[in-house]
Amino acid sequence: MHAVAAERGSFTAELAAGLPALLLLLLAGLTAVNAVSTQASCLHTAREAALAAARGTSDADDEPGAPPGAEVSVSIDGDRARATVRAPVRALGGRLPRITVVATAVAAVEPGAQEVSR
């Protein structure tokens, strides 16, 4: 009976010690899911921007599906159009540093498209 009394409250102590680690792990997991989602949005935006630049349309920089705060840069080098999208990912918890995800897509410039885009 004395052994049971000595162990009384040990679960509470272990929970109090392990709960911050569990919350930190949950925070890291949710931030990772947010980063992967933002990466997918950046990749989609980069593909659309590269295709628009390859076609010679002027709206290559105006992508409505871009993540908030994303920077879209499009360049045409010879017969290839390259679009790069950079977007910040805010870590859950405002005091943590931001992560920046980058996606790049390349498309072949269509014949006659360079005259329209320049």
Protein backbone atom coordinates (compact mmCIF):
# COMPACT_ATOMS: atom_id res chain seq x y z
CA MET A 1 0.00 0.00 0.00
CA HIS A 2 2.93 2.29 0.62
CA ALA A 3 4.17 1.76 -2.99
CA VAL A 4 0.82 2.87 -4.39
CA ALA A 5 0.90 6.06 -2.37
CA ALA A 6 4.43 6.83 -3.60
CA GLU A 7 3.32 6.58 -7.23
CA ARG A 8 0.31 8.78 -6.71
CA GLY A 9 0.43 11.80 -9.02
CA SER A 10 3.18 10.37 -11.26
CA PHE A 11 0.85 10.39 -14.29
CA THR A 12 0.13 14.07 -13.74
CA ALA A 13 3.84 14.85 -13.53
CA GLU A 14 4.60 12.86 -16.69
CA LEU A 15 1.75 14.55 -18.51
CA ALA A 16 2.96 17.98 -17.42
CA ALA A 17 6.46 17.16 -18.69
CA GLY A 18 5.32 15.62 -21.98
CA LEU A 19 2.52 17.99 -22.96
CA PRO A 20 4.78 20.87 -24.14
CA ALA A 21 6.73 18.45 -26.34
CA LEU A 22 3.49 17.11 -27.78
CA LEU A 23 2.23 20.62 -28.52
CA LEU A 24 5.54 21.54 -30.17
CA LEU A 25 5.31 18.43 -32.33
CA LEU A 26 1.74 19.33 -33.31
CA LEU A 27 2.83 22.88 -34.14
CA ALA A 28 5.66 21.60 -36.34
CA GLY A 29 3.31 19.18 -38.11
CA LEU A 30 0.71 21.85 -38.86
CA THR A 31 3.43 24.20 -40.14
CA ALA A 32 4.72 21.44 -42.43
CA VAL A 33 1.23 20.84 -43.82
CA ASN A 34 0.86 24.58 -44.43
CA ALA A 35 4.24 24.67 -46.20
CA VAL A 36 3.35 21.74 -48.46
CA SER A 37 0.02 23.35 -49.35
CA THR A 38 1.73 26.65 -50.16
CA GLN A 39 4.36 24.79 -52.22
CA ALA A 40 1.61 23.15 -54.28
CA SER A 41 -0.04 26.54 -54.87
CA CYS A 42 3.31 28.03 -55.91
CA LEU A 43 3.93 25.19 -58.33
CA HIS A 44 0.50 25.61 -59.91
CA THR A 45 1.02 29.36 -60.22
CA ALA A 46 4.49 28.89 -61.73
CA ARG A 47 3.14 26.45 -64.31
CA GLU A 48 0.35 28.79 -65.33
CA ALA A 49 2.69 31.79 -65.51
CA ALA A 50 5.25 29.89 -67.62
CA LEU A 51 2.55 28.70 -70.01
CA ALA A 52 1.12 32.21 -70.31
CA ALA A 53 4.57 33.64 -71.04
CA ALA A 54 5.24 30.86 -73.57
CA ARG A 55 2.02 31.76 -75.38
CA GLY A 56 3.01 35.40 -75.40
CA THR A 57 0.11 36.67 -73.33
CA SER A 58 0.72 39.75 -71.23
CA ASP A 59 -1.03 38.50 -68.08
CA ALA A 60 1.80 36.14 -67.08
CA ASP A 61 2.46 38.08 -63.86
CA ASP A 62 -1.20 38.40 -62.79
CA GLU A 63 -1.96 34.97 -61.40
CA PRO A 64 -5.12 34.85 -59.27
CA GLY A 65 -4.24 31.46 -57.72
CA ALA A 66 -0.98 32.68 -56.19
CA PRO A 67 -0.59 32.29 -52.42
CA PRO A 68 -0.81 35.48 -50.34
CA GLY A 69 2.42 37.47 -50.44
CA ALA A 70 3.79 35.51 -53.41
CA GLU A 71 6.30 37.06 -55.79
CA VAL A 72 6.03 35.88 -59.39
CA SER A 73 8.94 36.47 -61.78
CA VAL A 74 8.84 35.48 -65.43
CA SER A 75 11.75 35.52 -67.86
CA ILE A 76 12.14 34.42 -71.46
CA ASP A 77 15.55 33.10 -72.42
CA GLY A 78 15.78 32.02 -76.03
CA ASP A 79 13.12 29.41 -76.64
CA ARG A 80 12.18 28.86 -73.00
CA ALA A 81 9.94 30.75 -70.62
CA ARG A 82 10.79 30.36 -66.94
CA ALA A 83 8.48 31.34 -64.11
CA THR A 84 9.56 31.39 -60.47
CA VAL A 85 7.17 31.87 -57.58
CA ARG A 86 8.36 32.63 -54.03
CA ALA A 87 5.91 32.71 -51.14
CA PRO A 88 6.40 33.06 -47.40
CA VAL A 89 4.92 30.43 -45.11
CA ARG A 90 4.04 31.73 -41.71
CA ALA A 91 4.83 29.26 -39.01
CA LEU A 92 2.00 28.65 -36.60
CA GLY A 93 3.04 30.76 -33.69
CA GLY A 94 3.91 34.33 -34.61
CA ARG A 95 7.35 34.43 -33.01
CA LEU A 96 8.87 31.75 -35.21
CA PRO A 97 10.77 32.73 -38.38
CA ARG A 98 9.02 32.50 -41.72
CA ILE A 99 9.81 29.80 -44.23
CA THR A 100 10.01 30.70 -47.91
CA VAL A 101 8.96 28.12 -50.48
CA VAL A 102 10.02 28.41 -54.12
CA ALA A 103 8.62 26.75 -57.23
CA THR A 104 9.94 27.05 -60.78
CA ALA A 105 8.37 25.96 -64.05
CA VAL A 106 9.72 26.06 -67.60
CA ALA A 107 7.74 26.01 -70.85
CA ALA A 108 8.82 26.08 -74.48
CA VAL A 109 8.03 29.36 -76.19
CA GLU A 110 5.52 28.91 -78.99
CA PRO A 111 6.48 30.11 -82.47
CA GLY A 112 5.60 33.76 -82.97
CA ALA A 113 5.02 34.35 -79.27
CA GLN A 114 8.18 36.40 -78.71
CA GLU A 115 7.01 39.12 -81.06
CA VAL A 116 3.83 39.51 -79.02
CA SER A 117 5.48 39.50 -75.57
CA ARG A 118 8.26 41.99 -76.36
